[in-house]
Amino acid sequence: MTGFDPKADLHRYLRSAREALLWKLDGLSEYDLRRPLTPSGTNLLGLVKHVALVEAGYLGVTFGRQLDDLLSGLEDDAETDADLWATADESRDHVVAFYRRVWAHSDTTIETCDLDTPGAVPWWPDNSEVTLHRILVHVIAETNRHGGHADITRELIDGTVGMRPDNSNLALTDPAHRAEYHDRLQKLAESTRER
């Protein structure tokens, strides 16, 4: 196979996941970005902040490349889950600019290291030795996992769904068909209550 480049493939998947996550913020007010829409407090801006801090750690600290001026939330004395919500001083623009700065920092790590470059994750219980390959897979999975949370959270806010503005990634794009589909699934669920 010519042109096969596993690192470039992984990097492309990470970039795609990053962009999909940020798209979920488009067009929303600061209020809607911060509004907790699940009992656990899930909110869009908090998801982006969390993923940015996670990536800064895994693709920075793990390879000896600490990023300065992190957003709040990971300090030793931080409130529980402080990395999952933005403070009043952390606007959308501030959080997004930080995430993009993390991207540039991480991209340098990815571009200058080989997939088998060793690193160490100091917050893992055994201070695990890892490779760039393993960490890239981990960060892609983490970003996509929280991207899924963002998909659902955004849909709860205004009905916007999909992976990108030009690709809903859903078979049912017509709102009337989606409503009919939802009603059919609700009726099916209700029919199983007494089983």
N, C-alpha and C. Protein backbone atom coordinates (compact mmCIF):
# COMPACT_ATOMS: atom_id res chain seq x y z
N MET A 1 0.85 -1.18 0.00
CA MET A 1 0.00 0.00 0.00
C MET A 1 0.90 1.24 0.00
N THR A 2 0.76 2.11 -0.95
CA THR A 2 1.59 3.30 -1.02
C THR A 2 0.94 4.45 -0.26
N GLY A 3 1.79 5.25 0.32
CA GLY A 3 1.29 6.43 1.01
C GLY A 3 0.66 6.15 2.37
N PHE A 4 0.81 4.95 2.90
CA PHE A 4 0.22 4.61 4.19
C PHE A 4 1.04 5.26 5.29
N ASP A 5 0.40 6.11 6.09
CA ASP A 5 1.08 6.82 7.16
C ASP A 5 0.20 6.80 8.41
N PRO A 6 0.42 5.82 9.29
CA PRO A 6 -0.44 5.68 10.46
C PRO A 6 -0.51 6.94 11.32
N LYS A 7 0.62 7.62 11.51
CA LYS A 7 0.60 8.83 12.34
C LYS A 7 -0.25 9.91 11.70
N ALA A 8 -0.13 10.08 10.39
CA ALA A 8 -0.94 11.08 9.70
C ALA A 8 -2.44 10.73 9.79
N ASP A 9 -2.76 9.44 9.69
CA ASP A 9 -4.15 9.01 9.83
C ASP A 9 -4.70 9.34 11.21
N LEU A 10 -3.94 9.01 12.24
CA LEU A 10 -4.38 9.30 13.61
C LEU A 10 -4.53 10.81 13.82
N HIS A 11 -3.59 11.57 13.31
CA HIS A 11 -3.64 13.03 13.45
C HIS A 11 -4.89 13.59 12.74
N ARG A 12 -5.20 13.04 11.58
CA ARG A 12 -6.40 13.48 10.84
C ARG A 12 -7.67 13.19 11.65
N TYR A 13 -7.75 12.01 12.25
CA TYR A 13 -8.91 11.68 13.07
C TYR A 13 -9.02 12.60 14.28
N LEU A 14 -7.90 12.94 14.89
CA LEU A 14 -7.93 13.87 16.02
C LEU A 14 -8.40 15.24 15.58
N ARG A 15 -7.87 15.73 14.48
CA ARG A 15 -8.30 17.05 13.98
C ARG A 15 -9.80 17.07 13.68
N SER A 16 -10.30 16.02 13.07
CA SER A 16 -11.73 15.94 12.75
C SER A 16 -12.57 15.95 14.02
N ALA A 17 -12.15 15.21 15.03
CA ALA A 17 -12.90 15.16 16.30
C ALA A 17 -12.88 16.52 16.99
N ARG A 18 -11.76 17.21 16.94
CA ARG A 18 -11.66 18.55 17.54
C ARG A 18 -12.65 19.50 16.88
N GLU A 19 -12.62 19.53 15.56
CA GLU A 19 -13.50 20.45 14.82
C GLU A 19 -14.98 20.14 15.07
N ALA A 20 -15.32 18.84 15.11
CA ALA A 20 -16.72 18.46 15.37
C ALA A 20 -17.15 18.94 16.75
N LEU A 21 -16.28 18.83 17.73
CA LEU A 21 -16.61 19.29 19.08
C LEU A 21 -16.82 20.80 19.11
N LEU A 22 -15.93 21.55 18.50
CA LEU A 22 -16.07 23.01 18.50
C LEU A 22 -17.29 23.48 17.74
N TRP A 23 -17.68 22.76 16.69
CA TRP A 23 -18.85 23.16 15.92
C TRP A 23 -20.10 23.20 16.80
N LYS A 24 -20.14 22.39 17.83
CA LYS A 24 -21.32 22.33 18.71
C LYS A 24 -21.56 23.64 19.43
N LEU A 25 -20.57 24.52 19.49
CA LEU A 25 -20.72 25.80 20.16
C LEU A 25 -21.32 26.88 19.25
N ASP A 26 -21.24 26.68 17.95
CA ASP A 26 -21.62 27.72 16.99
C ASP A 26 -23.05 28.21 17.19
N GLY A 27 -23.17 29.54 17.22
CA GLY A 27 -24.48 30.17 17.22
C GLY A 27 -25.21 30.18 18.56
N LEU A 28 -24.59 29.71 19.62
CA LEU A 28 -25.27 29.66 20.91
C LEU A 28 -24.84 30.81 21.82
N SER A 29 -25.72 31.21 22.70
CA SER A 29 -25.43 32.25 23.68
C SER A 29 -24.52 31.69 24.78
N GLU A 30 -23.90 32.58 25.53
CA GLU A 30 -23.09 32.15 26.68
C GLU A 30 -23.95 31.33 27.64
N TYR A 31 -25.20 31.74 27.81
CA TYR A 31 -26.10 31.01 28.70
C TYR A 31 -26.29 29.57 28.22
N ASP A 32 -26.63 29.40 26.95
CA ASP A 32 -26.86 28.04 26.43
C ASP A 32 -25.60 27.19 26.46
N LEU A 33 -24.44 27.81 26.29
CA LEU A 33 -23.18 27.07 26.34
C LEU A 33 -22.87 26.53 27.73
N ARG A 34 -23.36 27.22 28.75
CA ARG A 34 -23.04 26.89 30.14
C ARG A 34 -24.15 26.12 30.84
N ARG A 35 -25.32 26.08 30.24
CA ARG A 35 -26.49 25.48 30.88
C ARG A 35 -26.30 23.99 31.10
N PRO A 36 -26.41 23.49 32.34
CA PRO A 36 -26.31 22.05 32.59
C PRO A 36 -27.58 21.36 32.14
N LEU A 37 -27.45 20.40 31.24
CA LEU A 37 -28.63 19.76 30.66
C LEU A 37 -28.80 18.30 31.06
N THR A 38 -27.98 17.84 31.97
CA THR A 38 -28.13 16.49 32.49
C THR A 38 -28.02 16.57 34.01
N PRO A 39 -28.51 15.57 34.72
CA PRO A 39 -28.36 15.58 36.18
C PRO A 39 -26.91 15.67 36.64
N SER A 40 -25.97 15.22 35.82
CA SER A 40 -24.55 15.29 36.19
C SER A 40 -23.92 16.64 35.85
N GLY A 41 -24.68 17.55 35.25
CA GLY A 41 -24.19 18.89 34.96
C GLY A 41 -23.56 19.08 33.60
N THR A 42 -23.69 18.15 32.70
CA THR A 42 -23.06 18.26 31.38
C THR A 42 -23.49 19.54 30.68
N ASN A 43 -22.50 20.29 30.21
CA ASN A 43 -22.73 21.53 29.48
C ASN A 43 -21.68 21.66 28.39
N LEU A 44 -22.02 22.35 27.31
CA LEU A 44 -21.14 22.37 26.14
C LEU A 44 -19.79 23.03 26.39
N LEU A 45 -19.79 24.19 27.00
CA LEU A 45 -18.51 24.88 27.19
C LEU A 45 -17.62 24.09 28.15
N GLY A 46 -18.22 23.45 29.14
CA GLY A 46 -17.47 22.61 30.05
C GLY A 46 -16.84 21.42 29.35
N LEU A 47 -17.56 20.83 28.40
CA LEU A 47 -17.00 19.71 27.65
C LEU A 47 -15.76 20.14 26.87
N VAL A 48 -15.84 21.30 26.24
CA VAL A 48 -14.69 21.79 25.47
C VAL A 48 -13.52 22.09 26.40
N LYS A 49 -13.81 22.74 27.53
CA LYS A 49 -12.75 23.03 28.50
C LYS A 49 -12.08 21.74 28.97
N HIS A 50 -12.89 20.75 29.31
CA HIS A 50 -12.37 19.47 29.79
C HIS A 50 -11.47 18.81 28.74
N VAL A 51 -11.96 18.73 27.51
CA VAL A 51 -11.18 18.08 26.46
C VAL A 51 -9.88 18.84 26.20
N ALA A 52 -9.93 20.17 26.25
CA ALA A 52 -8.71 20.96 26.06
C ALA A 52 -7.69 20.66 27.15
N LEU A 53 -8.14 20.60 28.40
CA LEU A 53 -7.21 20.31 29.51
C LEU A 53 -6.67 18.89 29.41
N VAL A 54 -7.51 17.95 29.04
CA VAL A 54 -7.08 16.56 28.87
C VAL A 54 -6.00 16.47 27.79
N GLU A 55 -6.28 17.09 26.65
CA GLU A 55 -5.30 17.04 25.56
C GLU A 55 -4.00 17.73 25.94
N ALA A 56 -4.09 18.85 26.66
CA ALA A 56 -2.87 19.55 27.09
C ALA A 56 -2.01 18.65 27.96
N GLY A 57 -2.66 17.84 28.77
CA GLY A 57 -1.90 16.92 29.62
C GLY A 57 -1.30 15.77 28.84
N TYR A 58 -2.15 15.08 28.11
CA TYR A 58 -1.68 13.87 27.43
C TYR A 58 -0.68 14.13 26.31
N LEU A 59 -0.89 15.20 25.56
CA LEU A 59 0.03 15.47 24.44
C LEU A 59 1.04 16.56 24.78
N GLY A 60 1.09 16.93 26.07
CA GLY A 60 2.07 17.89 26.54
C GLY A 60 2.90 17.28 27.65
N VAL A 61 2.33 17.26 28.86
CA VAL A 61 3.05 16.77 30.05
C VAL A 61 3.61 15.36 29.84
N THR A 62 2.84 14.49 29.24
CA THR A 62 3.26 13.10 29.03
C THR A 62 4.58 13.02 28.27
N PHE A 63 4.83 13.99 27.41
CA PHE A 63 6.06 13.98 26.60
C PHE A 63 7.02 15.11 26.99
N GLY A 64 6.89 15.57 28.25
CA GLY A 64 7.81 16.57 28.75
C GLY A 64 7.64 17.95 28.16
N ARG A 65 6.41 18.27 27.71
CA ARG A 65 6.15 19.54 27.05
C ARG A 65 4.99 20.26 27.75
N GLN A 66 5.19 20.68 28.97
CA GLN A 66 4.16 21.37 29.74
C GLN A 66 3.71 22.64 29.03
N LEU A 67 2.41 22.84 28.91
CA LEU A 67 1.84 24.06 28.35
C LEU A 67 1.56 25.02 29.51
N ASP A 68 1.99 26.26 29.37
CA ASP A 68 1.78 27.26 30.42
C ASP A 68 0.39 27.88 30.30
N ASP A 69 -0.03 28.53 31.37
CA ASP A 69 -1.29 29.28 31.41
C ASP A 69 -2.50 28.42 31.09
N LEU A 70 -2.63 27.32 31.83
CA LEU A 70 -3.80 26.44 31.65
C LEU A 70 -5.05 27.12 32.19
N LEU A 71 -6.18 26.70 31.70
CA LEU A 71 -7.45 27.12 32.29
C LEU A 71 -7.56 26.50 33.68
N SER A 72 -8.40 27.06 34.50
CA SER A 72 -8.58 26.54 35.86
C SER A 72 -9.27 25.18 35.81
N GLY A 73 -9.13 24.44 36.91
CA GLY A 73 -9.86 23.19 37.03
C GLY A 73 -9.02 21.99 37.40
N LEU A 74 -7.72 22.06 37.21
CA LEU A 74 -6.88 20.90 37.51
C LEU A 74 -5.93 21.13 38.68
N GLU A 75 -6.02 22.28 39.32
CA GLU A 75 -5.14 22.56 40.45
C GLU A 75 -5.39 21.55 41.57
N ASP A 76 -4.40 21.33 42.40
CA ASP A 76 -4.53 20.36 43.50
C ASP A 76 -5.70 20.69 44.41
N ASP A 77 -5.98 21.99 44.61
CA ASP A 77 -7.06 22.39 45.50
C ASP A 77 -8.36 22.74 44.75
N ALA A 78 -8.44 22.36 43.47
CA ALA A 78 -9.63 22.67 42.67
C ALA A 78 -10.84 21.90 43.18
N GLU A 79 -11.98 22.52 43.03
CA GLU A 79 -13.25 21.88 43.36
C GLU A 79 -13.43 20.63 42.48
N THR A 80 -14.12 19.64 42.98
CA THR A 80 -14.39 18.43 42.21
C THR A 80 -15.07 18.80 40.89
N ASP A 81 -14.60 18.22 39.82
CA ASP A 81 -15.14 18.43 38.47
C ASP A 81 -15.03 19.87 37.98
N ALA A 82 -14.11 20.65 38.53
CA ALA A 82 -13.94 22.04 38.11
C ALA A 82 -13.47 22.15 36.67
N ASP A 83 -12.95 21.06 36.12
CA ASP A 83 -12.52 21.08 34.72
C ASP A 83 -13.69 20.87 33.77
N LEU A 84 -14.88 20.64 34.30
CA LEU A 84 -16.06 20.35 33.47
C LEU A 84 -17.04 21.51 33.37
N TRP A 85 -16.62 22.70 33.78
CA TRP A 85 -17.44 23.89 33.62
C TRP A 85 -16.54 25.11 33.56
N ALA A 86 -17.00 26.11 32.86
CA ALA A 86 -16.22 27.34 32.68
C ALA A 86 -16.65 28.35 33.74
N THR A 87 -15.67 29.01 34.34
CA THR A 87 -15.97 30.05 35.32
C THR A 87 -16.60 31.25 34.59
N ALA A 88 -17.13 32.18 35.36
CA ALA A 88 -17.73 33.38 34.76
C ALA A 88 -16.70 34.18 33.96
N ASP A 89 -15.43 34.07 34.34
CA ASP A 89 -14.37 34.80 33.63
C ASP A 89 -13.86 34.06 32.39
N GLU A 90 -14.28 32.82 32.22
CA GLU A 90 -13.83 32.03 31.07
C GLU A 90 -14.93 32.02 30.00
N SER A 91 -14.90 33.03 29.16
CA SER A 91 -15.90 33.16 28.09
C SER A 91 -15.69 32.09 27.02
N ARG A 92 -16.66 31.97 26.14
CA ARG A 92 -16.51 31.07 24.99
C ARG A 92 -15.22 31.39 24.25
N ASP A 93 -15.01 32.67 23.93
CA ASP A 93 -13.82 33.05 23.18
C ASP A 93 -12.55 32.65 23.90
N HIS A 94 -12.54 32.81 25.21
CA HIS A 94 -11.36 32.45 26.01
C HIS A 94 -11.12 30.95 25.99
N VAL A 95 -12.16 30.16 26.18
CA VAL A 95 -12.03 28.70 26.19
C VAL A 95 -11.63 28.19 24.81
N VAL A 96 -12.27 28.71 23.76
CA VAL A 96 -11.95 28.28 22.40
C VAL A 96 -10.51 28.67 22.04
N ALA A 97 -10.10 29.88 22.40
CA ALA A 97 -8.71 30.30 22.11
C ALA A 97 -7.72 29.39 22.84
N PHE A 98 -8.04 29.02 24.08
CA PHE A 98 -7.18 28.10 24.81
C PHE A 98 -7.12 26.75 24.10
N TYR A 99 -8.28 26.23 23.70
CA TYR A 99 -8.31 24.93 23.01
C TYR A 99 -7.48 24.98 21.74
N ARG A 100 -7.59 26.04 20.98
CA ARG A 100 -6.79 26.16 19.75
C ARG A 100 -5.29 26.27 20.07
N ARG A 101 -4.94 26.90 21.17
CA ARG A 101 -3.53 26.96 21.59
C ARG A 101 -3.05 25.56 21.97
N VAL A 102 -3.92 24.79 22.62
CA VAL A 102 -3.60 23.39 22.95
C VAL A 102 -3.37 22.61 21.66
N TRP A 103 -4.24 22.82 20.66
CA TRP A 103 -4.08 22.12 19.38
C TRP A 103 -2.68 22.36 18.82
N ALA A 104 -2.27 23.62 18.78
CA ALA A 104 -0.96 23.94 18.20
C ALA A 104 0.16 23.27 18.99
N HIS A 105 0.04 23.30 20.31
CA HIS A 105 1.05 22.67 21.16
C HIS A 105 1.08 21.15 20.93
N SER A 106 -0.10 20.54 20.90
CA SER A 106 -0.21 19.10 20.67
C SER A 106 0.29 18.72 19.29
N ASP A 107 -0.08 19.52 18.29
CA ASP A 107 0.35 19.23 16.93
C ASP A 107 1.88 19.22 16.81
N THR A 108 2.55 20.10 17.56
CA THR A 108 4.01 20.10 17.56
C THR A 108 4.53 18.79 18.16
N THR A 109 3.90 18.33 19.25
CA THR A 109 4.29 17.04 19.83
C THR A 109 4.13 15.94 18.79
N ILE A 110 3.00 15.91 18.14
CA ILE A 110 2.71 14.85 17.16
C ILE A 110 3.69 14.91 15.99
N GLU A 111 3.97 16.11 15.51
CA GLU A 111 4.84 16.27 14.35
C GLU A 111 6.30 15.97 14.65
N THR A 112 6.74 16.22 15.89
CA THR A 112 8.16 16.05 16.19
C THR A 112 8.50 14.69 16.81
N CYS A 113 7.49 13.94 17.18
CA CYS A 113 7.73 12.62 17.79
C CYS A 113 7.31 11.51 16.83
N ASP A 114 7.97 10.38 16.97
CA ASP A 114 7.56 9.18 16.25
C ASP A 114 6.47 8.48 17.06
N LEU A 115 5.73 7.60 16.41
CA LEU A 115 4.67 6.87 17.11
C LEU A 115 5.21 6.05 18.28
N ASP A 116 6.46 5.61 18.20
CA ASP A 116 7.02 4.81 19.30
C ASP A 116 7.80 5.65 20.32
N THR A 117 7.71 6.98 20.21
CA THR A 117 8.37 7.84 21.19
C THR A 117 7.76 7.58 22.57
N PRO A 118 8.63 7.32 23.57
CA PRO A 118 8.09 7.03 24.90
C PRO A 118 7.71 8.30 25.66
N GLY A 119 6.76 8.12 26.54
CA GLY A 119 6.34 9.16 27.46
C GLY A 119 5.88 8.52 28.75
N ALA A 120 5.50 9.34 29.72
CA ALA A 120 5.01 8.83 31.00
C ALA A 120 3.82 9.67 31.44
N VAL A 121 2.78 9.02 31.91
CA VAL A 121 1.57 9.71 32.38
C VAL A 121 1.64 9.78 33.91
N PRO A 122 2.03 10.93 34.46
CA PRO A 122 2.27 11.02 35.90
C PRO A 122 1.01 10.84 36.76
N TRP A 123 -0.17 11.07 36.21
CA TRP A 123 -1.39 10.94 37.01
C TRP A 123 -2.01 9.55 36.94
N TRP A 124 -1.45 8.66 36.14
CA TRP A 124 -1.90 7.26 36.16
C TRP A 124 -1.26 6.58 37.36
N PRO A 125 -1.98 5.67 38.00
CA PRO A 125 -1.49 5.09 39.26
C PRO A 125 -0.08 4.50 39.19
N ASP A 126 0.27 3.89 38.10
CA ASP A 126 1.59 3.28 38.01
C ASP A 126 2.58 4.15 37.22
N ASN A 127 2.21 5.45 37.02
CA ASN A 127 3.06 6.37 36.25
C ASN A 127 3.46 5.72 34.94
N SER A 128 2.46 5.18 34.28
CA SER A 128 2.65 4.33 33.11
C SER A 128 3.54 4.92 32.04
N GLU A 129 4.43 4.06 31.58
CA GLU A 129 5.19 4.40 30.39
C GLU A 129 4.30 4.10 29.20
N VAL A 130 4.27 5.02 28.27
CA VAL A 130 3.39 4.92 27.10
C VAL A 130 4.17 5.32 25.86
N THR A 131 3.51 5.20 24.72
CA THR A 131 4.08 5.71 23.47
C THR A 131 3.14 6.77 22.91
N LEU A 132 3.66 7.54 21.98
CA LEU A 132 2.81 8.53 21.31
C LEU A 132 1.61 7.83 20.66
N HIS A 133 1.84 6.66 20.08
CA HIS A 133 0.74 5.92 19.45
C HIS A 133 -0.39 5.67 20.44
N ARG A 134 -0.06 5.14 21.59
CA ARG A 134 -1.09 4.84 22.60
C ARG A 134 -1.82 6.11 23.04
N ILE A 135 -1.08 7.19 23.24
CA ILE A 135 -1.68 8.44 23.70
C ILE A 135 -2.55 9.06 22.62
N LEU A 136 -2.13 8.98 21.37
CA LEU A 136 -2.99 9.49 20.29
C LEU A 136 -4.32 8.74 20.25
N VAL A 137 -4.28 7.43 20.36
CA VAL A 137 -5.51 6.65 20.38
C VAL A 137 -6.36 7.06 21.58
N HIS A 138 -5.73 7.24 22.73
CA HIS A 138 -6.45 7.63 23.95
C HIS A 138 -7.13 9.00 23.78
N VAL A 139 -6.40 9.98 23.25
CA VAL A 139 -6.94 11.33 23.10
C VAL A 139 -8.04 11.37 22.04
N ILE A 140 -7.88 10.62 20.96
CA ILE A 140 -8.94 10.54 19.95
C ILE A 140 -10.21 9.95 20.57
N ALA A 141 -10.06 8.87 21.34
CA ALA A 141 -11.22 8.25 21.98
C ALA A 141 -11.86 9.22 22.96
N GLU A 142 -11.07 9.92 23.75
CA GLU A 142 -11.59 10.88 24.73
C GLU A 142 -12.33 12.02 24.03
N THR A 143 -11.74 12.54 22.97
CA THR A 143 -12.36 13.66 22.25
C THR A 143 -13.67 13.22 21.61
N ASN A 144 -13.68 12.05 21.00
CA ASN A 144 -14.92 11.56 20.39
C ASN A 144 -15.97 11.20 21.43
N ARG A 145 -15.55 10.66 22.56
CA ARG A 145 -16.51 10.34 23.63
C ARG A 145 -17.24 11.61 24.07
N HIS A 146 -16.48 12.67 24.33
CA HIS A 146 -17.10 13.92 24.77
C HIS A 146 -17.77 14.64 23.60
N GLY A 147 -17.33 14.37 22.39
CA GLY A 147 -18.04 14.88 21.22
C GLY A 147 -19.45 14.30 21.16
N GLY A 148 -19.59 13.03 21.52
CA GLY A 148 -20.92 12.41 21.59
C GLY A 148 -21.78 13.05 22.65
N HIS A 149 -21.17 13.36 23.80
CA HIS A 149 -21.91 14.08 24.84
C HIS A 149 -22.38 15.44 24.29
N ALA A 150 -21.48 16.10 23.56
CA ALA A 150 -21.82 17.41 22.99
C ALA A 150 -22.93 17.30 21.95
N ASP A 151 -22.94 16.21 21.17
CA ASP A 151 -24.01 16.00 20.19
C ASP A 151 -25.37 16.03 20.88
N ILE A 152 -25.48 15.25 21.94
CA ILE A 152 -26.76 15.13 22.64
C ILE A 152 -27.10 16.43 23.36
N THR A 153 -26.11 17.05 23.98
CA THR A 153 -26.36 18.31 24.69
C THR A 153 -26.84 19.38 23.72
N ARG A 154 -26.20 19.50 22.57
CA ARG A 154 -26.62 20.51 21.58
C ARG A 154 -28.01 20.21 21.07
N GLU A 155 -28.33 18.95 20.83
CA GLU A 155 -29.67 18.60 20.37
C GLU A 155 -30.72 19.01 21.40
N LEU A 156 -30.41 18.86 22.67
CA LEU A 156 -31.34 19.26 23.72
C LEU A 156 -31.56 20.77 23.77
N ILE A 157 -30.56 21.53 23.34
CA ILE A 157 -30.67 22.99 23.37
C ILE A 157 -31.54 23.51 22.23
N ASP A 158 -31.21 23.11 20.99
CA ASP A 158 -31.93 23.70 19.86
C ASP A 158 -32.23 22.72 18.72
N GLY A 159 -31.99 21.44 18.94
CA GLY A 159 -32.30 20.45 17.91
C GLY A 159 -31.21 20.23 16.89
N THR A 160 -30.12 21.00 16.95
CA THR A 160 -29.02 20.83 15.99
C THR A 160 -28.33 19.49 16.23
N VAL A 161 -28.18 18.73 15.15
CA VAL A 161 -27.57 17.40 15.24
C VAL A 161 -26.53 17.25 14.14
N GLY A 162 -25.68 16.27 14.30
CA GLY A 162 -24.74 15.92 13.25
C GLY A 162 -23.31 16.12 13.63
N MET A 163 -22.45 15.71 12.71
CA MET A 163 -21.01 15.76 12.94
C MET A 163 -20.39 17.07 12.49
N ARG A 164 -20.90 17.60 11.38
CA ARG A 164 -20.38 18.85 10.82
C ARG A 164 -21.54 19.60 10.18
N PRO A 165 -21.37 20.89 9.95
CA PRO A 165 -22.46 21.64 9.32
C PRO A 165 -22.88 21.06 7.96
N ASP A 166 -21.92 20.49 7.23
CA ASP A 166 -22.21 19.95 5.91
C ASP A 166 -22.51 18.46 5.92
N ASN A 167 -22.56 17.84 7.10
CA ASN A 167 -22.80 16.40 7.19
C ASN A 167 -23.49 16.09 8.51
N SER A 168 -24.81 15.89 8.45
CA SER A 168 -25.54 15.61 9.69
C SER A 168 -25.17 14.23 10.23
N ASN A 169 -24.67 13.36 9.37
CA ASN A 169 -24.30 12.01 9.76
C ASN A 169 -25.51 11.21 10.25
N LEU A 170 -26.70 11.67 9.89
CA LEU A 170 -27.94 10.99 10.25
C LEU A 170 -28.73 10.66 9.00
N ALA A 171 -29.40 9.52 9.02
CA ALA A 171 -30.22 9.14 7.87
C ALA A 171 -31.47 10.00 7.77
N LEU A 172 -32.08 10.32 8.90
CA LEU A 172 -33.31 11.12 8.92
C LEU A 172 -32.97 12.58 9.17
N THR A 173 -32.96 13.39 8.11
CA THR A 173 -32.62 14.80 8.25
C THR A 173 -33.84 15.70 8.27
N ASP A 174 -34.96 15.25 7.76
CA ASP A 174 -36.16 16.05 7.75
C ASP A 174 -36.78 16.06 9.15
N PRO A 175 -37.03 17.25 9.72
CA PRO A 175 -37.58 17.32 11.08
C PRO A 175 -38.89 16.56 11.26
N ALA A 176 -39.75 16.56 10.26
CA ALA A 176 -41.02 15.83 10.37
C ALA A 176 -40.78 14.32 10.46
N HIS A 177 -39.87 13.83 9.64
CA HIS A 177 -39.54 12.41 9.69
C HIS A 177 -38.88 12.03 11.01
N ARG A 178 -38.00 12.93 11.52
CA ARG A 178 -37.37 12.65 12.81
C ARG A 178 -38.41 12.60 13.92
N ALA A 179 -39.39 13.51 13.89
CA ALA A 179 -40.44 13.51 14.91
C ALA A 179 -41.27 12.24 14.83
N GLU A 180 -41.58 11.82 13.62
CA GLU A 180 -42.34 10.57 13.44
C GLU A 180 -41.54 9.38 13.95
N TYR A 181 -40.27 9.35 13.67
CA TYR A 181 -39.38 8.29 14.13
C TYR A 181 -39.33 8.27 15.66
N HIS A 182 -39.17 9.43 16.26
CA HIS A 182 -39.14 9.54 17.71
C HIS A 182 -40.43 9.00 18.32
N ASP A 183 -41.56 9.40 17.76
CA ASP A 183 -42.86 8.94 18.28
C ASP A 183 -43.00 7.43 18.16
N ARG A 184 -42.52 6.88 17.06
CA ARG A 184 -42.60 5.43 16.87
C ARG A 184 -41.75 4.70 17.92
N LEU A 185 -40.56 5.22 18.18
CA LEU A 185 -39.71 4.60 19.20
C LEU A 185 -40.31 4.74 20.60
N GLN A 186 -40.95 5.88 20.86
CA GLN A 186 -41.60 6.06 22.15
C GLN A 186 -42.73 5.05 22.34
N LYS A 187 -43.53 4.84 21.31
CA LYS A 187 -44.62 3.87 21.39
C LYS A 187 -44.08 2.45 21.58
N LEU A 188 -42.99 2.13 20.90
CA LEU A 188 -42.37 0.83 21.07
C LEU A 188 -41.89 0.65 22.50
N ALA A 189 -41.25 1.66 23.06
CA ALA A 189 -40.77 1.60 24.44
C ALA A 189 -41.93 1.41 25.40
N GLU A 190 -43.02 2.15 25.18
CA GLU A 190 -44.19 2.02 26.05
C GLU A 190 -44.80 0.63 25.98
N SER A 191 -44.73 0.01 24.83
CA SER A 191 -45.31 -1.32 24.68
C SER A 191 -44.55 -2.39 25.47
N THR A 192 -43.35 -2.06 25.90
CA THR A 192 -42.54 -3.04 26.65
C THR A 192 -42.59 -2.81 28.15
N ARG A 193 -43.32 -1.83 28.62
CA ARG A 193 -43.35 -1.51 30.06
C ARG A 193 -43.82 -2.67 30.92
N GLU A 194 -44.76 -3.43 30.47
CA GLU A 194 -45.37 -4.48 31.30
C GLU A 194 -44.68 -5.83 31.13
N ARG A 195 -43.66 -5.90 30.35
CA ARG A 195 -42.99 -7.19 30.12
C ARG A 195 -42.12 -7.57 31.27
